[in-house]
Structures are given as C-alpha cells and as structure tokens.
Amino acid sequence: MADVNDLGFKVSQEGSDVKTAIDEELVMSSSFNMLKTKTVGLTVGAENVAHGLAYIPIFFTSVQGASKGTIIGDDRTARGNATNIILGATTKYYIFYQSGT
C-alpha cells in the first residue's frame, strides 16, 4: 500500500483526497511497481539488439506490415535471452529494466 509519508508523487481519482486515498483510489503513485524504460529503438530488418542486462528483460515489440497498422506485441517471433532481444523483421522495440522471468 502506498504510504502517505513516502517521498514521491501520487495522483488520486476525482473525489478522493490524495493525502488519505487508499491504493484503489489512486490513479498513480511512485511507490507502485511501474515498468522503467531502458531503451527504445527501431530495427531495419531482422536484427539482434543487445540489451546489456544479466537477465532476460521484459520487452514489447511492434511490427508494421503493408496491410496492417502497428500493434504493440504483434510480433510473435520476437524472443529474448540473457544477451539479446532477437527480432525477425523491421521492428519498433521497447526494453525495460524489469526481469521477464
């Protein structure tokens, strides 16, 4: 639960006092576990992207084809290991610091 005395920030829902709101009444709090972005990029064709972490991170990908728009997570061929994110096509990628395992 978010602590009123924590340093950071909070945003409460309309009608809730941010100083007394419980977690369910908060829109956001810096004490919540949120994804922290390590890097964002775009590959041109298939490519391995070194992430520099000692674990497989959480990552999101999106691929744009000729007949469809970009959708986050639509690249079912993307995979990661302890060194790289392996992408099989031109891909926009988002790599986060959190472990995916």
Protein backbone atom coordinates (compact mmCIF):
# COMPACT_ATOMS: atom_id res chain seq x y z
CA MET A 1 0.00 0.00 0.00
CA ALA A 2 1.23 3.50 -0.78
CA ASP A 3 2.36 5.33 2.38
CA VAL A 4 1.26 8.96 2.86
CA ASN A 5 4.71 9.76 4.26
CA ASP A 6 6.64 8.32 1.28
CA LEU A 7 8.65 10.77 -0.76
CA GLY A 8 7.48 10.80 -4.32
CA PHE A 9 4.25 11.63 -6.05
CA LYS A 10 0.64 10.49 -6.07
CA VAL A 11 -2.39 11.27 -8.21
CA SER A 12 -5.80 10.44 -6.77
CA GLN A 13 -9.04 9.80 -8.59
CA GLU A 14 -11.52 12.67 -8.79
CA GLY A 15 -13.35 12.98 -5.48
CA SER A 16 -10.59 11.31 -3.41
CA ASP A 17 -8.18 13.22 -1.17
CA VAL A 18 -4.68 12.33 -2.31
CA LYS A 19 -3.44 12.56 1.32
CA THR A 20 -5.83 9.87 2.59
CA ALA A 21 -6.61 7.83 -0.54
CA ILE A 22 -6.04 4.08 -0.45
CA ASP A 23 -4.25 2.45 -3.40
CA GLU A 24 -7.53 1.65 -5.19
CA GLU A 25 -8.37 5.39 -5.17
CA LEU A 26 -5.04 6.39 -6.72
CA VAL A 27 -4.50 6.81 -10.43
CA MET A 28 -0.74 6.67 -9.97
CA SER A 29 1.86 6.55 -7.21
CA SER A 30 5.64 6.49 -7.40
CA SER A 31 5.52 3.66 -4.84
CA PHE A 32 3.72 1.39 -7.34
CA ASN A 33 5.82 -1.05 -9.35
CA MET A 34 5.96 0.51 -12.82
CA LEU A 35 7.94 -0.51 -15.88
CA LYS A 36 11.08 1.56 -16.23
CA THR A 37 12.29 2.01 -19.80
CA LYS A 38 15.87 1.08 -20.58
CA THR A 39 15.81 1.75 -24.31
CA VAL A 40 13.52 2.24 -27.31
CA GLY A 41 14.58 1.70 -30.88
CA LEU A 42 13.74 0.65 -34.41
CA THR A 43 15.44 -2.07 -36.41
CA VAL A 44 15.58 -2.19 -40.18
CA GLY A 45 15.04 -5.85 -40.99
CA ALA A 46 15.92 -8.78 -38.76
CA GLU A 47 18.35 -7.85 -36.01
CA ASN A 48 19.65 -8.86 -32.59
CA VAL A 49 19.51 -5.98 -30.10
CA ALA A 50 21.99 -6.25 -27.22
CA HIS A 51 20.27 -5.12 -24.01
CA GLY A 52 23.29 -5.16 -21.66
CA LEU A 53 21.44 -6.78 -18.75
CA ALA A 54 22.34 -10.02 -16.96
CA TYR A 55 18.81 -11.40 -17.35
CA ILE A 56 16.01 -11.60 -19.91
CA PRO A 57 14.17 -8.28 -19.62
CA ILE A 58 10.52 -7.50 -20.26
CA PHE A 59 10.22 -6.10 -23.77
CA PHE A 60 7.43 -5.00 -26.09
CA THR A 61 7.61 -5.05 -29.87
CA SER A 62 5.51 -3.77 -32.74
CA VAL A 63 5.83 -4.60 -36.41
CA GLN A 64 4.25 -2.63 -39.24
CA GLY A 65 3.33 -4.52 -42.37
CA ALA A 66 2.00 -3.34 -45.71
CA SER A 67 -1.57 -4.38 -44.89
CA LYS A 68 -1.80 -3.59 -41.18
CA GLY A 69 -1.00 -0.84 -38.74
CA THR A 70 1.37 -1.07 -35.85
CA ILE A 71 0.15 -3.06 -32.86
CA ILE A 72 2.20 -3.47 -29.68
CA GLY A 73 3.02 -7.12 -29.15
CA ASP A 74 2.02 -8.34 -32.59
CA ASP A 75 5.47 -9.77 -33.37
CA ARG A 76 5.14 -13.35 -32.18
CA THR A 77 8.61 -14.22 -33.49
CA ALA A 78 10.48 -11.85 -31.14
CA ARG A 79 12.30 -13.57 -28.31
CA GLY A 80 14.91 -12.71 -25.75
CA ASN A 81 17.86 -14.27 -24.00
CA ALA A 82 20.33 -13.07 -21.37
CA THR A 83 22.23 -11.09 -24.03
CA ASN A 84 19.89 -10.02 -26.85
CA ILE A 85 16.37 -9.39 -27.98
CA ILE A 86 16.06 -11.29 -31.26
CA LEU A 87 13.81 -9.60 -33.82
CA GLY A 88 12.85 -11.17 -37.14
CA ALA A 89 11.67 -8.12 -39.07
CA THR A 90 11.67 -4.33 -39.07
CA THR A 91 10.50 -3.74 -35.51
CA LYS A 92 9.92 -0.93 -33.02
CA TYR A 93 11.06 -2.23 -29.63
CA TYR A 94 10.80 -1.13 -26.02
CA ILE A 95 13.13 -2.77 -23.49
CA PHE A 96 12.52 -2.37 -19.76
CA TYR A 97 14.77 -2.89 -16.73
CA GLN A 98 12.46 -5.45 -15.10
CA SER A 99 13.18 -9.16 -15.47
CA GLY A 100 10.80 -11.06 -17.69
CA THR A 101 11.32 -14.33 -15.81
